[in-house]
């Protein structure tokens, strides 16, 4: 199947990112990722795969796609500007065997079975 994939910058340590993953696990909050353009061919409920440090590590459920006003991250305190965002929530589903992939900016579509 075809899914969307985003890259988390290397400067963000995975141990720190796991704090954000834990904060949204119960679906009471969302994680937001700013994109240069809004993706097509994806919808709420689809999988969003996460690439970090050269590996696709797993996926999360997409909870929203669209424009957002600027906001501050409740975990890092970083302020993000207005723009198109893909939001994710719920459990992070780790892949049994992470898939090697060179990092990229924005988003791309990938083919992954099940």
C-alpha atoms as a PDB file:
ATOM      1  CA  UNK A   1       0.000   0.000   0.000  1.00  0.00           C
ATOM      2  CA  UNK A   2       0.980   3.622  -0.485  1.00  0.00           C
ATOM      3  CA  UNK A   3       1.474   5.750   2.641  1.00  0.00           C
ATOM      4  CA  UNK A   4       2.896   9.137   3.545  1.00  0.00           C
ATOM      5  CA  UNK A   5       6.268   9.372   5.303  1.00  0.00           C
ATOM      6  CA  UNK A   6       7.879  12.331   7.090  1.00  0.00           C
ATOM      7  CA  UNK A   7      11.419  12.792   8.403  1.00  0.00           C
ATOM      8  CA  UNK A   8      12.212  13.926  11.927  1.00  0.00           C
ATOM      9  CA  UNK A   9      15.456  15.960  11.824  1.00  0.00           C
ATOM     10  CA  UNK A  10      18.601  14.263  13.168  1.00  0.00           C
ATOM     11  CA  UNK A  11      19.158  17.165  15.562  1.00  0.00           C
ATOM     12  CA  UNK A  12      16.136  15.865  17.477  1.00  0.00           C
ATOM     13  CA  UNK A  13      17.284  12.934  19.579  1.00  0.00           C
ATOM     14  CA  UNK A  14      15.019   9.874  19.472  1.00  0.00           C
ATOM     15  CA  UNK A  15      14.950   9.671  23.280  1.00  0.00           C
ATOM     16  CA  UNK A  16      13.535  13.221  23.346  1.00  0.00           C
ATOM     17  CA  UNK A  17      11.080  12.475  20.549  1.00  0.00           C
ATOM     18  CA  UNK A  18       9.804   9.495  22.534  1.00  0.00           C
ATOM     19  CA  UNK A  19       8.659  11.997  25.195  1.00  0.00           C
ATOM     20  CA  UNK A  20       6.381  13.586  22.608  1.00  0.00           C
ATOM     21  CA  UNK A  21       5.184  10.170  21.450  1.00  0.00           C
ATOM     22  CA  UNK A  22       4.283   9.291  25.034  1.00  0.00           C
ATOM     23  CA  UNK A  23       2.348  12.558  25.456  1.00  0.00           C
ATOM     24  CA  UNK A  24      -0.023  11.723  22.567  1.00  0.00           C
ATOM     25  CA  UNK A  25      -0.346   7.992  23.193  1.00  0.00           C
ATOM     26  CA  UNK A  26      -3.764   8.315  24.872  1.00  0.00           C
ATOM     27  CA  UNK A  27      -5.056  10.439  21.939  1.00  0.00           C
ATOM     28  CA  UNK A  28      -5.770  13.433  24.199  1.00  0.00           C
ATOM     29  CA  UNK A  29      -3.166  15.499  22.271  1.00  0.00           C
ATOM     30  CA  UNK A  30      -1.737  15.659  18.757  1.00  0.00           C
ATOM     31  CA  UNK A  31       1.776  15.906  17.360  1.00  0.00           C
ATOM     32  CA  UNK A  32       2.094  18.377  14.502  1.00  0.00           C
ATOM     33  CA  UNK A  33       4.563  18.400  11.636  1.00  0.00           C
ATOM     34  CA  UNK A  34       4.829  21.438   9.363  1.00  0.00           C
ATOM     35  CA  UNK A  35       4.888  20.735   5.637  1.00  0.00           C
ATOM     36  CA  UNK A  36       5.764  23.022   2.711  1.00  0.00           C
ATOM     37  CA  UNK A  37       2.510  21.977   0.996  1.00  0.00           C
ATOM     38  CA  UNK A  38      -0.516  19.990   2.094  1.00  0.00           C
ATOM     39  CA  UNK A  39      -0.332  16.401   0.883  1.00  0.00           C
ATOM     40  CA  UNK A  40      -2.975  14.948  -1.381  1.00  0.00           C
ATOM     41  CA  UNK A  41      -4.104  11.350  -1.396  1.00  0.00           C
ATOM     42  CA  UNK A  42      -4.053  11.026   2.416  1.00  0.00           C
ATOM     43  CA  UNK A  43      -6.890  11.279   4.885  1.00  0.00           C
ATOM     44  CA  UNK A  44      -7.567  11.237   8.599  1.00  0.00           C
ATOM     45  CA  UNK A  45      -7.087   7.707   9.916  1.00  0.00           C
ATOM     46  CA  UNK A  46      -4.331   6.797   7.412  1.00  0.00           C
ATOM     47  CA  UNK A  47      -0.863   5.815   8.564  1.00  0.00           C
ATOM     48  CA  UNK A  48       1.962   8.338   8.673  1.00  0.00           C
ATOM     49  CA  UNK A  49       5.384   6.681   8.702  1.00  0.00           C
ATOM     50  CA  UNK A  50       8.268   8.317  10.551  1.00  0.00           C
ATOM     51  CA  UNK A  51      11.851   8.368   9.278  1.00  0.00           C
ATOM     52  CA  UNK A  52      14.610   9.304  11.746  1.00  0.00           C
ATOM     53  CA  UNK A  53      18.372   9.020  11.406  1.00  0.00           C
ATOM     54  CA  UNK A  54      18.235   6.967   8.215  1.00  0.00           C
ATOM     55  CA  UNK A  55      15.491   4.539   9.269  1.00  0.00           C
ATOM     56  CA  UNK A  56      11.726   4.345   8.934  1.00  0.00           C
ATOM     57  CA  UNK A  57      11.015   3.351  12.528  1.00  0.00           C
ATOM     58  CA  UNK A  58       7.234   3.035  12.579  1.00  0.00           C
ATOM     59  CA  UNK A  59       3.936   4.797  12.060  1.00  0.00           C
ATOM     60  CA  UNK A  60       1.145   6.724  13.738  1.00  0.00           C
ATOM     61  CA  UNK A  61      -2.468   7.451  12.871  1.00  0.00           C
ATOM     62  CA  UNK A  62      -3.140  10.743  11.069  1.00  0.00           C
ATOM     63  CA  UNK A  63      -5.607  12.811  13.098  1.00  0.00           C
ATOM     64  CA  UNK A  64      -5.714  16.002  11.014  1.00  0.00           C
ATOM     65  CA  UNK A  65      -4.320  17.504   7.808  1.00  0.00           C
ATOM     66  CA  UNK A  66      -4.599  21.178   6.973  1.00  0.00           C
ATOM     67  CA  UNK A  67      -3.741  24.736   7.882  1.00  0.00           C
ATOM     68  CA  UNK A  68      -3.008  25.756  11.455  1.00  0.00           C
ATOM     69  CA  UNK A  69      -2.177  29.060  13.061  1.00  0.00           C
ATOM     70  CA  UNK A  70       1.128  29.436  14.864  1.00  0.00           C
ATOM     71  CA  UNK A  71       1.473  27.549  18.123  1.00  0.00           C
ATOM     72  CA  UNK A  72       4.069  26.545  20.717  1.00  0.00           C
ATOM     73  CA  UNK A  73       4.979  22.905  21.250  1.00  0.00           C
ATOM     74  CA  UNK A  74       3.950  21.897  24.764  1.00  0.00           C
ATOM     75  CA  UNK A  75       6.940  19.529  25.070  1.00  0.00           C
ATOM     76  CA  UNK A  76       9.811  21.513  23.531  1.00  0.00           C
ATOM     77  CA  UNK A  77       8.480  25.070  23.786  1.00  0.00           C
ATOM     78  CA  UNK A  78       9.451  25.686  20.129  1.00  0.00           C
ATOM     79  CA  UNK A  79       7.129  28.110  18.365  1.00  0.00           C
ATOM     80  CA  UNK A  80       5.889  27.035  14.941  1.00  0.00           C
ATOM     81  CA  UNK A  81       4.447  29.439  12.369  1.00  0.00           C
ATOM     82  CA  UNK A  82       1.235  29.399  10.374  1.00  0.00           C
ATOM     83  CA  UNK A  83       1.122  26.768   7.665  1.00  0.00           C
ATOM     84  CA  UNK A  84       0.058  23.328   6.556  1.00  0.00           C
ATOM     85  CA  UNK A  85       0.438  20.607   9.157  1.00  0.00           C
ATOM     86  CA  UNK A  86      -0.056  16.881   9.365  1.00  0.00           C
ATOM     87  CA  UNK A  87      -1.157  15.923  12.871  1.00  0.00           C
ATOM     88  CA  UNK A  88      -0.780  12.492  14.447  1.00  0.00           C
ATOM     89  CA  UNK A  89      -2.020  10.907  17.629  1.00  0.00           C
ATOM     90  CA  UNK A  90      -2.236   7.592  19.429  1.00  0.00           C
ATOM     91  CA  UNK A  91       0.217   4.766  19.832  1.00  0.00           C
ATOM     92  CA  UNK A  92       3.469   4.767  17.874  1.00  0.00           C
ATOM     93  CA  UNK A  93       3.634   1.441  16.057  1.00  0.00           C
ATOM     94  CA  UNK A  94       7.260   0.341  15.805  1.00  0.00           C
ATOM     95  CA  UNK A  95       8.280  -1.745  12.812  1.00  0.00           C
ATOM     96  CA  UNK A  96       9.810  -5.125  13.669  1.00  0.00           C
ATOM     97  CA  UNK A  97      12.527  -4.382  11.117  1.00  0.00           C
ATOM     98  CA  UNK A  98      13.154  -0.649  10.543  1.00  0.00           C
ATOM     99  CA  UNK A  99      13.535   0.212   6.868  1.00  0.00           C
ATOM    100  CA  UNK A 100      16.640   2.108   5.732  1.00  0.00           C
ATOM    101  CA  UNK A 101      15.793   5.411   4.031  1.00  0.00           C
ATOM    102  CA  UNK A 102      17.794   8.551   3.466  1.00  0.00           C
ATOM    103  CA  UNK A 103      16.250  11.539   5.212  1.00  0.00           C
ATOM    104  CA  UNK A 104      14.352  14.158   3.192  1.00  0.00           C
ATOM    105  CA  UNK A 105      12.476  17.410   3.746  1.00  0.00           C
ATOM    106  CA  UNK A 106       8.704  17.637   3.625  1.00  0.00           C
ATOM    107  CA  UNK A 107       6.894  14.414   2.884  1.00  0.00           C
ATOM    108  CA  UNK A 108       6.991  11.591   0.382  1.00  0.00           C
ATOM    109  CA  UNK A 109       4.854   8.630  -0.476  1.00  0.00           C
ATOM    110  CA  UNK A 110       6.181   5.149   0.164  1.00  0.00           C
ATOM    111  CA  UNK A 111       4.998   1.648  -0.655  1.00  0.00           C
ATOM    112  CA  UNK A 112       4.837  -0.678   2.357  1.00  0.00           C
ATOM    113  CA  UNK A 113       2.937  -3.928   2.757  1.00  0.00           C
ATOM    114  CA  UNK A 114       0.319  -3.915   5.513  1.00  0.00           C
END
